[in-house]
Amino acid sequence: MLQNLLATHKSSFKDYTELRAQVNATQRVVMVAGNMVSNNQESEGGVAARVYRGGTFGFASGATYTPEGVKNVLAAATDNAIFMDKHVTRGQPPLPAAKPGNQGLVTVPGAAIPQSTLIDFAQGLDAIIEKKYKNLSSRTVVANCLNMEKLLVVSDGADSHFFQPRSMIYVVMTADTSDGIPVELYGILGGFGRFDELFTDPAIHEAALDELYESVMKKRDGVFAKAGLHKCVLGPRLAGMLAHEAIGHTVEADAVLGGSVASFNLNKQVASEMVSMVDFAHTALGQPAPLPVYVDDEGVTAEDAWLIKDGILTGYMHNRDTARQLGTVPQGNARAFAFSDEPLIRMRNTAILPGTSKLDDMIASVDDGYYLVSSGNGQADQTGEFTFSIEEGYEIKNGKIGKAIRESSVSGVAFEMLKTVDMVSDDMHWDVSGFCGKKQPMTCCMGGPALRCEISIGGR
């Protein structure tokens, strides 16, 4: 656990100042066809300071977390702020004030987990796959942990001590089609928590492996989708990807100031009245959010950020500086991944809210279309235009699930496609496994219900 070497420096702050100590500890084991091909464990940590003066920031960081190291980084950041203010001379007012306070640890770091714990679990899971599923041409098991600990002291706002453990298992199953083309699907286990708490016995996850294997076998015998605009049901995992990539990034206020499609759509209809979307801080729909954030890296106490309400674009995600520029208040979206990173506007737990329909009824309502379950990757730009691969999907014929489809893609413009949504399921799926790659990686969570809409799908 990090020793607090920061608090004694707070009395020396003259301008707005953030002082942050941080350690990211990662562990990773990769097994391919029963062979261990990667076995890594590393820890990266240090201290960073950021000072605001007249509209510019001075930033400095160092890997030496000692009293002298903290003092040197703080002095360097202050000098940088003075230099920037002198030469840029923006002459801007102070940043918006944040609520004072002190957020202590909600989750307490425990003893380090032996690397052998990950190895043993991965080997146990791989042994189940090898013994039970005979029609695979390849299999991969990845065990991964990221434990992020931060200490933050700010001149204005809430000091905090934050620990976020995330532990995941990724399973990839590959099978060959009759014409020798490999198809694969991946499954994800885990989420927020220590590895030894989430993964105690590989056999517990056998039902999830059964489901993944069954889906791979269906995809092996799948057909190609017909290209064109179709009535489709987007599964919750795909809806969550859409929420993050095609919508979420356009409503980050730095992107808005850069001219994203959201910059001229505030308080306008951008989706069906059935669509609402929130970036949750630490509690979502009455339950703990999958990746809770209580105080961000600017000392802002985290609150939910409403983005779309009943189809109307109602707000953006901010840091202190964009909130100042746009005349609003920040809600805790400034986050830094490593000690050497400056905080950026980042999503936390971003989700489309559930509706009232049943997934089975949504599928039954489609005569000729597709049920699109998950995406492997994709891209979107600041216009909201997106293209996502479809890793798992199925035909819908006369209201019933038909054959699986092979790899395909969907594309469109998010704010236009969302206007076609006419049914939203009452369930919710969270995907806790991803990293967002905006200039620096960042843990994030995306979620959603199923959506019935019209979307363009690529064929053979």
Protein backbone atom coordinates (compact mmCIF):
# COMPACT_ATOMS: atom_id res chain seq x y z
CA MET A 1 0.00 0.00 0.00
CA LEU A 2 1.24 3.48 -0.87
CA GLN A 3 2.63 5.52 2.00
CA ASN A 4 1.28 9.06 2.02
CA LEU A 5 4.26 11.30 1.30
CA LEU A 6 2.09 13.97 -0.31
CA ALA A 7 0.02 15.61 2.42
CA THR A 8 2.92 17.53 3.98
CA HIS A 9 3.41 19.44 0.70
CA LYS A 10 -0.13 20.81 0.51
CA SER A 11 0.70 23.90 2.57
CA SER A 12 3.23 24.93 -0.08
CA PHE A 13 0.72 25.00 -2.96
CA LYS A 14 0.37 28.55 -4.33
CA ASP A 15 -1.63 27.98 -7.54
CA TYR A 16 -4.17 25.29 -8.31
CA THR A 17 -2.15 22.07 -7.86
CA GLU A 18 -2.65 18.31 -8.14
CA LEU A 19 -0.10 15.97 -6.58
CA ARG A 20 -0.57 12.27 -7.33
CA ALA A 21 1.33 9.10 -6.41
CA GLN A 22 0.41 5.95 -8.31
CA VAL A 23 1.32 2.30 -8.79
CA ASN A 24 -0.06 0.03 -11.52
CA ALA A 25 0.69 -3.65 -10.90
CA THR A 26 -0.03 -6.05 -13.75
CA GLN A 27 0.10 -9.84 -14.05
CA ARG A 28 -0.55 -11.85 -17.20
CA VAL A 29 -0.41 -15.51 -18.23
CA VAL A 30 -1.17 -16.72 -21.77
CA MET A 31 -1.66 -20.36 -22.72
CA VAL A 32 -2.10 -21.55 -26.32
CA ALA A 33 -3.11 -25.19 -26.84
CA GLY A 34 -1.84 -26.04 -23.36
CA ASN A 35 1.53 -24.35 -23.79
CA MET A 36 2.45 -21.32 -21.74
CA VAL A 37 3.61 -18.65 -24.19
CA SER A 38 3.64 -15.64 -21.87
CA ASN A 39 4.19 -15.22 -18.14
CA ASN A 40 4.63 -11.59 -17.11
CA GLN A 41 4.49 -9.64 -13.88
CA GLU A 42 5.45 -5.99 -13.50
CA SER A 43 4.84 -2.90 -11.41
CA GLU A 44 5.15 0.70 -12.55
CA GLY A 45 4.85 3.63 -10.19
CA GLY A 46 5.93 7.13 -9.30
CA VAL A 47 4.64 10.62 -8.60
CA ALA A 48 3.24 13.42 -10.77
CA ALA A 49 2.31 17.05 -10.21
CA ARG A 50 0.23 19.42 -12.29
CA VAL A 51 -0.07 23.17 -11.67
CA TYR A 52 -2.56 25.54 -13.35
CA ARG A 53 -1.80 29.18 -13.99
CA GLY A 54 -3.68 31.59 -16.23
CA GLY A 55 -5.16 28.99 -18.55
CA THR A 56 -2.17 26.65 -18.96
CA PHE A 57 -0.88 23.65 -17.03
CA GLY A 58 2.64 22.78 -16.00
CA PHE A 59 3.16 19.03 -15.59
CA ALA A 60 6.05 16.92 -14.32
CA SER A 61 6.49 13.31 -13.19
CA GLY A 62 9.19 11.09 -11.77
CA ALA A 63 9.63 7.43 -10.91
CA THR A 64 11.24 8.12 -7.51
CA TYR A 65 8.58 8.17 -4.81
CA THR A 66 10.51 9.60 -1.89
CA PRO A 67 10.13 12.91 0.00
CA GLU A 68 12.88 14.41 -2.13
CA GLY A 69 11.37 12.97 -5.31
CA VAL A 70 7.98 14.48 -4.51
CA LYS A 71 9.56 17.85 -3.78
CA ASN A 72 11.48 17.84 -7.07
CA VAL A 73 8.45 16.91 -9.18
CA LEU A 74 6.31 19.59 -7.52
CA ALA A 75 9.00 22.21 -8.13
CA ALA A 76 9.38 21.17 -11.78
CA ALA A 77 5.63 21.34 -12.43
CA THR A 78 5.47 24.79 -10.82
CA ASP A 79 8.36 26.04 -12.95
CA ASN A 80 6.68 24.63 -16.06
CA ALA A 81 3.42 26.40 -15.21
CA ILE A 82 5.24 29.73 -14.73
CA PHE A 83 7.05 29.27 -18.04
CA MET A 84 3.87 28.35 -19.94
CA ASP A 85 1.91 31.24 -18.45
CA LYS A 86 4.68 33.69 -19.37
CA HIS A 87 4.99 32.56 -22.98
CA VAL A 88 1.39 31.58 -23.82
CA THR A 89 -0.32 34.33 -21.77
CA ARG A 90 -3.89 33.10 -22.11
CA GLY A 91 -5.02 35.14 -19.12
CA GLN A 92 -7.88 32.79 -18.25
CA PRO A 93 -9.81 32.78 -14.96
CA PRO A 94 -9.42 30.10 -12.26
CA LEU A 95 -10.74 26.60 -12.76
CA PRO A 96 -14.20 25.76 -11.35
CA ALA A 97 -14.09 24.98 -7.65
CA ALA A 98 -14.71 21.42 -6.48
CA LYS A 99 -16.22 20.13 -3.27
CA PRO A 100 -13.61 19.77 -0.53
CA GLY A 101 -13.25 16.47 1.28
CA ASN A 102 -11.24 13.32 1.70
CA GLN A 103 -12.23 10.02 0.12
CA GLY A 104 -10.48 7.14 1.82
CA LEU A 105 -10.07 3.63 0.52
CA VAL A 106 -13.31 1.88 -0.42
CA THR A 107 -11.51 -1.27 -1.56
CA VAL A 108 -8.39 -2.06 0.46
CA PRO A 109 -5.29 -3.51 -1.26
CA GLY A 110 -4.37 -6.95 -0.01
CA ALA A 111 -1.22 -9.00 -0.18
CA ALA A 112 0.27 -9.58 -3.62
CA ILE A 113 -1.19 -12.55 -5.48
CA PRO A 114 1.44 -15.17 -6.42
CA GLN A 115 1.92 -15.59 -10.15
CA SER A 116 1.39 -19.31 -9.59
CA THR A 117 -2.27 -18.58 -8.77
CA LEU A 118 -2.85 -17.29 -12.30
CA ILE A 119 -0.83 -20.13 -13.83
CA ASP A 120 -2.70 -22.85 -11.94
CA PHE A 121 -6.10 -21.42 -12.82
CA ALA A 122 -5.27 -20.97 -16.50
CA GLN A 123 -3.94 -24.52 -16.69
CA GLY A 124 -7.05 -25.86 -14.96
CA LEU A 125 -9.37 -24.04 -17.35
CA ASP A 126 -7.34 -25.17 -20.36
CA ALA A 127 -7.48 -28.78 -19.16
CA ILE A 128 -11.28 -28.63 -19.08
CA ILE A 129 -11.38 -27.26 -22.63
CA GLU A 130 -8.95 -29.87 -23.95
CA LYS A 131 -10.83 -32.77 -22.36
CA LYS A 132 -14.38 -31.73 -23.12
CA TYR A 133 -14.42 -29.93 -26.48
CA LYS A 134 -13.02 -32.17 -29.20
CA ASN A 135 -13.85 -30.22 -32.35
CA LEU A 136 -11.61 -27.23 -31.76
CA SER A 137 -8.60 -26.51 -33.92
CA SER A 138 -7.08 -24.12 -31.39
CA ARG A 139 -7.68 -22.71 -27.93
CA THR A 140 -6.23 -19.84 -25.94
CA VAL A 141 -6.61 -18.93 -22.27
CA VAL A 142 -5.43 -15.57 -20.94
CA ALA A 143 -5.38 -14.69 -17.23
CA ASN A 144 -4.86 -11.00 -16.56
CA CYS A 145 -4.83 -8.69 -13.51
CA LEU A 146 -4.44 -4.94 -13.23
CA ASN A 147 -4.33 -3.41 -9.75
CA MET A 148 -4.31 0.40 -9.83
CA GLU A 149 -3.60 2.38 -6.64
CA LYS A 150 -3.56 6.19 -6.43
CA LEU A 151 -2.98 8.80 -3.74
CA LEU A 152 -4.17 12.31 -4.63
CA VAL A 153 -3.71 15.64 -2.84
CA VAL A 154 -5.20 18.77 -4.44
CA SER A 155 -5.23 22.44 -3.56
CA ASP A 156 -8.96 22.71 -4.25
CA GLY A 157 -11.24 19.70 -4.08
CA ALA A 158 -11.20 16.25 -2.53
CA ASP A 159 -8.05 14.39 -1.56
CA SER A 160 -8.38 10.66 -2.13
CA HIS A 161 -6.85 7.22 -1.78
CA PHE A 162 -8.10 4.95 -4.53
CA PHE A 163 -7.60 1.25 -5.29
CA GLN A 164 -9.16 -0.46 -8.28
CA PRO A 165 -8.44 -4.17 -8.89
CA ARG A 166 -9.58 -5.72 -12.17
CA SER A 167 -9.11 -9.42 -12.93
CA MET A 168 -10.09 -11.07 -16.19
CA ILE A 169 -9.99 -14.42 -17.98
CA TYR A 170 -10.23 -14.40 -21.77
CA VAL A 171 -10.97 -17.67 -23.56
CA VAL A 172 -10.64 -17.96 -27.35
CA MET A 173 -11.99 -21.03 -29.14
CA THR A 174 -11.24 -21.69 -32.82
CA ALA A 175 -12.80 -24.24 -35.16
CA ASP A 176 -12.40 -24.92 -38.87
CA THR A 177 -15.28 -24.80 -41.34
CA SER A 178 -15.83 -27.57 -43.87
CA ASP A 179 -13.82 -25.56 -46.38
CA GLY A 180 -10.92 -25.17 -43.97
CA ILE A 181 -11.50 -21.56 -42.92
CA PRO A 182 -10.90 -20.92 -39.20
CA VAL A 183 -13.63 -19.16 -37.22
CA GLU A 184 -13.31 -18.13 -33.63
CA LEU A 185 -15.18 -16.62 -30.70
CA TYR A 186 -13.95 -15.32 -27.39
CA GLY A 187 -15.52 -15.36 -23.95
CA ILE A 188 -14.81 -13.09 -21.00
CA LEU A 189 -14.93 -13.94 -17.30
CA GLY A 190 -14.27 -11.71 -14.31
CA GLY A 191 -14.44 -8.02 -13.60
CA PHE A 192 -13.85 -5.77 -10.60
CA GLY A 193 -12.00 -7.55 -7.81
CA ARG A 194 -8.87 -9.48 -6.89
CA PHE A 195 -8.02 -12.56 -8.95
CA ASP A 196 -8.09 -14.92 -5.97
CA GLU A 197 -11.58 -13.65 -5.05
CA LEU A 198 -13.12 -13.98 -8.50
CA PHE A 199 -11.43 -17.20 -9.65
CA THR A 200 -11.42 -19.97 -7.07
CA ASP A 201 -12.23 -23.11 -9.09
CA PRO A 202 -12.08 -23.54 -12.90
CA ALA A 203 -15.01 -25.98 -12.80
CA ILE A 204 -17.35 -23.19 -11.69
CA HIS A 205 -17.02 -21.67 -15.16
CA GLU A 206 -17.82 -24.82 -17.12
CA ALA A 207 -21.32 -23.63 -18.05
CA ALA A 208 -19.85 -20.48 -19.63
CA LEU A 209 -17.37 -22.63 -21.56
CA ASP A 210 -20.22 -24.87 -22.77
CA GLU A 211 -22.07 -21.83 -24.08
CA LEU A 212 -19.00 -20.49 -25.86
CA TYR A 213 -18.26 -23.87 -27.47
CA GLU A 214 -21.84 -24.26 -28.66
CA SER A 215 -21.68 -20.80 -30.26
CA VAL A 216 -18.39 -21.62 -32.03
CA MET A 217 -19.86 -24.82 -33.44
CA LYS A 218 -22.85 -22.88 -34.78
CA LYS A 219 -20.57 -20.30 -36.33
CA ARG A 220 -18.48 -23.06 -37.93
CA ASP A 221 -21.58 -24.15 -39.83
CA GLY A 222 -22.76 -20.58 -40.40
CA VAL A 223 -23.76 -18.69 -43.51
CA PHE A 224 -22.86 -15.26 -44.85
CA ALA A 225 -25.13 -12.34 -44.12
CA LYS A 226 -26.95 -10.53 -46.90
CA ALA A 227 -25.59 -7.03 -47.38
CA GLY A 228 -27.95 -4.10 -46.93
CA LEU A 229 -30.13 -2.22 -44.49
CA HIS A 230 -31.89 -4.67 -42.17
CA LYS A 231 -34.16 -4.72 -39.17
CA CYS A 232 -31.84 -6.08 -36.49
CA VAL A 233 -31.70 -6.74 -32.79
CA LEU A 234 -28.39 -5.57 -31.37
CA GLY A 235 -27.43 -7.66 -28.35
CA PRO A 236 -26.46 -5.90 -25.11
CA ARG A 237 -22.71 -6.37 -25.69
CA LEU A 238 -22.93 -4.71 -29.09
CA ALA A 239 -25.15 -1.93 -27.71
CA GLY A 240 -22.51 -1.26 -25.06
CA MET A 241 -19.79 -1.03 -27.71
CA LEU A 242 -21.95 1.42 -29.65
CA ALA A 243 -22.50 3.52 -26.51
CA HIS A 244 -18.79 3.81 -25.88
CA GLU A 245 -17.22 4.10 -29.32
CA ALA A 246 -19.79 5.79 -31.53
CA ILE A 247 -21.53 8.02 -28.99
CA GLY A 248 -19.38 8.34 -25.88
CA HIS A 249 -16.29 9.72 -27.58
CA THR A 250 -18.28 12.39 -29.43
CA VAL A 251 -19.67 13.76 -26.13
CA GLU A 252 -16.31 14.08 -24.35
CA ALA A 253 -16.01 17.85 -24.03
CA ASP A 254 -12.50 18.07 -25.47
CA ALA A 255 -13.88 16.41 -28.62
CA VAL A 256 -16.87 18.76 -28.51
CA LEU A 257 -14.56 21.78 -28.43
CA GLY A 258 -12.70 20.21 -31.35
CA GLY A 259 -15.89 20.15 -33.42
CA SER A 260 -17.42 16.68 -32.90
CA VAL A 261 -20.96 16.05 -34.11
CA ALA A 262 -22.19 16.57 -30.54
CA SER A 263 -20.99 20.18 -30.53
CA PHE A 264 -24.03 21.40 -32.47
CA ASN A 265 -26.59 18.88 -31.18
CA LEU A 266 -26.90 19.85 -27.51
CA ASN A 267 -30.56 19.87 -26.42
CA LYS A 268 -31.57 18.36 -29.76
CA GLN A 269 -33.05 14.97 -30.55
CA VAL A 270 -30.26 12.56 -31.47
CA ALA A 271 -32.05 9.27 -30.80
CA SER A 272 -35.42 7.64 -30.36
CA GLU A 273 -37.36 8.68 -27.24
CA MET A 274 -36.68 5.16 -25.98
CA VAL A 275 -32.93 5.84 -25.71
CA SER A 276 -31.26 7.31 -22.63
CA MET A 277 -27.55 7.11 -21.84
CA VAL A 278 -25.52 7.83 -18.70
CA ASP A 279 -21.87 7.75 -17.75
CA PHE A 280 -22.16 6.35 -14.22
CA ALA A 281 -19.62 7.22 -11.53
CA HIS A 282 -19.76 4.53 -8.85
CA THR A 283 -23.38 3.37 -8.59
CA ALA A 284 -25.52 2.25 -11.52
CA LEU A 285 -29.20 1.36 -11.41
CA GLY A 286 -29.08 0.84 -7.65
CA GLN A 287 -26.03 -1.44 -7.75
CA PRO A 288 -22.28 -0.79 -7.45
CA ALA A 289 -20.92 0.19 -10.86
CA PRO A 290 -18.54 -2.38 -12.37
CA LEU A 291 -15.54 0.03 -12.29
CA PRO A 292 -16.40 2.58 -9.60
CA VAL A 293 -14.80 6.04 -9.51
CA TYR A 294 -15.41 8.16 -6.40
CA VAL A 295 -12.98 11.05 -6.98
CA ASP A 296 -11.25 11.76 -10.28
CA ASP A 297 -7.60 12.74 -10.75
CA GLU A 298 -8.44 16.45 -10.52
CA GLY A 299 -9.99 16.03 -7.07
CA VAL A 300 -13.57 16.30 -8.36
CA THR A 301 -16.09 14.19 -6.46
CA ALA A 302 -17.56 11.86 -9.07
CA GLU A 303 -21.20 12.12 -10.05
CA ASP A 304 -23.24 10.55 -12.85
CA ALA A 305 -23.11 12.41 -16.16
CA TRP A 306 -26.38 12.28 -18.10
CA LEU A 307 -25.62 12.31 -21.81
CA ILE A 308 -28.89 11.45 -23.55
CA LYS A 309 -32.31 11.60 -21.89
CA ASP A 310 -35.39 10.35 -23.76
CA GLY A 311 -33.56 10.81 -27.05
CA ILE A 312 -32.35 14.36 -26.31
CA LEU A 313 -28.62 15.12 -26.01
CA THR A 314 -28.47 16.75 -22.58
CA GLY A 315 -24.81 17.02 -21.63
CA TYR A 316 -21.15 16.22 -22.07
CA MET A 317 -18.35 14.69 -19.99
CA HIS A 318 -15.90 17.28 -18.65
CA ASN A 319 -12.67 18.00 -16.89
CA ARG A 320 -12.30 21.23 -14.94
CA ASP A 321 -10.93 23.20 -17.87
CA THR A 322 -13.65 22.28 -20.39
CA ALA A 323 -16.29 22.90 -17.71
CA ARG A 324 -14.83 26.41 -17.30
CA GLN A 325 -14.88 27.00 -21.04
CA LEU A 326 -18.45 25.78 -21.49
CA GLY A 327 -19.86 27.32 -18.32
CA THR A 328 -20.83 24.18 -16.46
CA VAL A 329 -19.53 21.97 -13.63
CA PRO A 330 -17.22 18.92 -13.89
CA GLN A 331 -18.55 15.57 -12.65
CA GLY A 332 -15.40 13.51 -12.22
CA ASN A 333 -14.33 12.36 -15.69
CA ALA A 334 -10.66 13.42 -15.58
CA ARG A 335 -8.56 10.25 -15.29
CA ALA A 336 -4.93 9.30 -15.84
CA PHE A 337 -3.82 5.74 -16.55
CA ALA A 338 -0.18 5.83 -15.36
CA PHE A 339 1.70 8.06 -12.93
CA SER A 340 3.42 9.73 -15.89
CA ASP A 341 0.13 10.57 -17.63
CA GLU A 342 -1.84 13.79 -17.32
CA PRO A 343 -5.58 13.40 -16.62
CA LEU A 344 -7.79 13.35 -19.71
CA ILE A 345 -11.56 13.33 -20.08
CA ARG A 346 -12.43 9.62 -19.95
CA MET A 347 -15.55 7.50 -19.73
CA ARG A 348 -16.16 5.46 -16.59
CA ASN A 349 -19.24 3.18 -16.72
CA THR A 350 -21.05 4.30 -19.87
CA ALA A 351 -24.37 2.67 -20.69
CA ILE A 352 -27.63 2.92 -22.57
CA LEU A 353 -30.40 2.43 -20.01
CA PRO A 354 -32.72 -0.60 -20.13
CA GLY A 355 -36.27 -0.32 -21.41
CA THR A 356 -39.40 -2.46 -20.98
CA SER A 357 -39.33 -5.09 -23.75
CA LYS A 358 -38.31 -8.72 -23.44
CA LEU A 359 -35.47 -9.90 -25.65
CA ASP A 360 -37.48 -12.91 -26.82
CA ASP A 361 -40.35 -10.63 -27.87
CA MET A 362 -37.93 -8.37 -29.75
CA ILE A 363 -36.58 -11.31 -31.73
CA ALA A 364 -40.11 -12.65 -32.34
CA SER A 365 -41.11 -9.29 -33.81
CA VAL A 366 -38.56 -9.51 -36.66
CA ASP A 367 -39.66 -11.39 -39.78
CA ASP A 368 -36.39 -11.23 -41.70
CA GLY A 369 -33.30 -9.76 -40.06
CA TYR A 370 -30.42 -10.50 -37.75
CA TYR A 371 -29.64 -10.88 -34.07
CA LEU A 372 -26.15 -9.39 -33.66
CA VAL A 373 -24.56 -10.49 -30.41
CA SER A 374 -21.01 -9.17 -30.18
CA SER A 375 -18.29 -7.18 -31.87
CA GLY A 376 -14.60 -8.01 -31.97
CA ASN A 377 -13.34 -4.57 -32.87
CA GLY A 378 -14.41 -1.40 -34.55
CA GLN A 379 -13.84 2.26 -35.11
CA ALA A 380 -15.79 5.49 -34.98
CA ASP A 381 -14.93 9.09 -35.70
CA GLN A 382 -16.02 12.47 -34.39
CA THR A 383 -18.94 12.57 -36.84
CA GLY A 384 -20.44 9.54 -35.09
CA GLU A 385 -19.84 7.39 -38.15
CA PHE A 386 -18.91 3.85 -37.11
CA THR A 387 -17.91 0.46 -38.44
CA PHE A 388 -17.89 -2.58 -36.13
CA SER A 389 -16.99 -6.16 -36.91
CA ILE A 390 -19.59 -8.75 -35.98
CA GLU A 391 -18.01 -11.76 -34.29
CA GLU A 392 -21.24 -13.51 -33.29
CA GLY A 393 -24.60 -13.10 -34.95
CA TYR A 394 -27.62 -15.09 -36.16
CA GLU A 395 -30.30 -14.89 -38.79
CA ILE A 396 -33.83 -14.12 -37.65
CA LYS A 397 -36.42 -15.88 -39.83
CA ASN A 398 -40.14 -15.47 -39.07
CA GLY A 399 -39.38 -14.36 -35.54
CA LYS A 400 -37.07 -17.26 -34.72
CA ILE A 401 -33.28 -17.56 -34.44
CA GLY A 402 -31.84 -19.21 -37.53
CA LYS A 403 -28.35 -20.04 -38.65
CA ALA A 404 -25.27 -18.35 -37.27
CA ILE A 405 -23.52 -15.92 -39.57
CA ARG A 406 -19.81 -15.77 -40.27
CA GLU A 407 -17.73 -12.64 -39.70
CA SER A 408 -19.50 -9.56 -40.95
CA SER A 409 -19.70 -5.89 -40.09
CA VAL A 410 -22.19 -3.14 -39.35
CA SER A 411 -21.87 0.53 -40.15
CA GLY A 412 -23.78 3.76 -39.88
CA VAL A 413 -23.97 7.14 -38.21
CA ALA A 414 -24.80 6.72 -34.54
CA PHE A 415 -27.15 9.66 -34.05
CA GLU A 416 -29.12 8.64 -37.16
CA MET A 417 -29.19 4.92 -36.42
CA LEU A 418 -30.37 5.55 -32.85
CA LYS A 419 -33.44 7.35 -34.18
CA THR A 420 -34.63 4.03 -35.65
CA VAL A 421 -34.64 2.28 -32.25
CA ASP A 422 -38.21 1.15 -31.50
CA MET A 423 -37.70 -1.52 -28.82
CA VAL A 424 -35.29 -1.64 -25.85
CA SER A 425 -34.94 -4.72 -23.67
CA ASP A 426 -35.38 -4.71 -19.92
CA ASP A 427 -32.10 -6.50 -19.19
CA MET A 428 -28.58 -5.13 -18.89
CA HIS A 429 -25.11 -6.43 -19.71
CA TRP A 430 -21.85 -4.84 -18.56
CA ASP A 431 -18.54 -5.41 -20.32
CA VAL A 432 -15.75 -4.68 -17.83
CA SER A 433 -12.86 -6.08 -19.81
CA GLY A 434 -11.88 -3.32 -22.17
CA PHE A 435 -9.29 -0.59 -22.44
CA CYS A 436 -10.03 2.72 -24.11
CA GLY A 437 -7.17 3.96 -26.28
CA LYS A 438 -7.56 7.75 -26.26
CA LYS A 439 -3.91 8.95 -26.26
CA GLN A 440 -3.24 6.71 -23.25
CA PRO A 441 -4.95 3.42 -22.30
CA MET A 442 -7.61 3.47 -19.62
CA THR A 443 -9.80 0.87 -17.96
CA CYS A 444 -13.42 1.46 -18.83
CA CYS A 445 -16.78 -0.25 -18.66
CA MET A 446 -19.59 -0.16 -21.20
CA GLY A 447 -23.09 -1.51 -20.94
CA GLY A 448 -26.53 -1.68 -22.41
CA PRO A 449 -29.70 -3.60 -23.12
CA ALA A 450 -30.67 -5.07 -26.49
CA LEU A 451 -31.91 -2.61 -29.13
CA ARG A 452 -34.19 -3.22 -32.10
CA CYS A 453 -33.23 -0.89 -34.92
CA GLU A 454 -32.37 -0.59 -38.59
CA ILE A 455 -28.68 -0.91 -39.41
CA SER A 456 -26.52 -1.58 -42.45
CA ILE A 457 -24.82 -4.97 -42.38
CA GLY A 458 -22.05 -6.15 -44.67
CA GLY A 459 -22.39 -9.37 -46.63
CA ARG A 460 -19.95 -11.64 -48.42
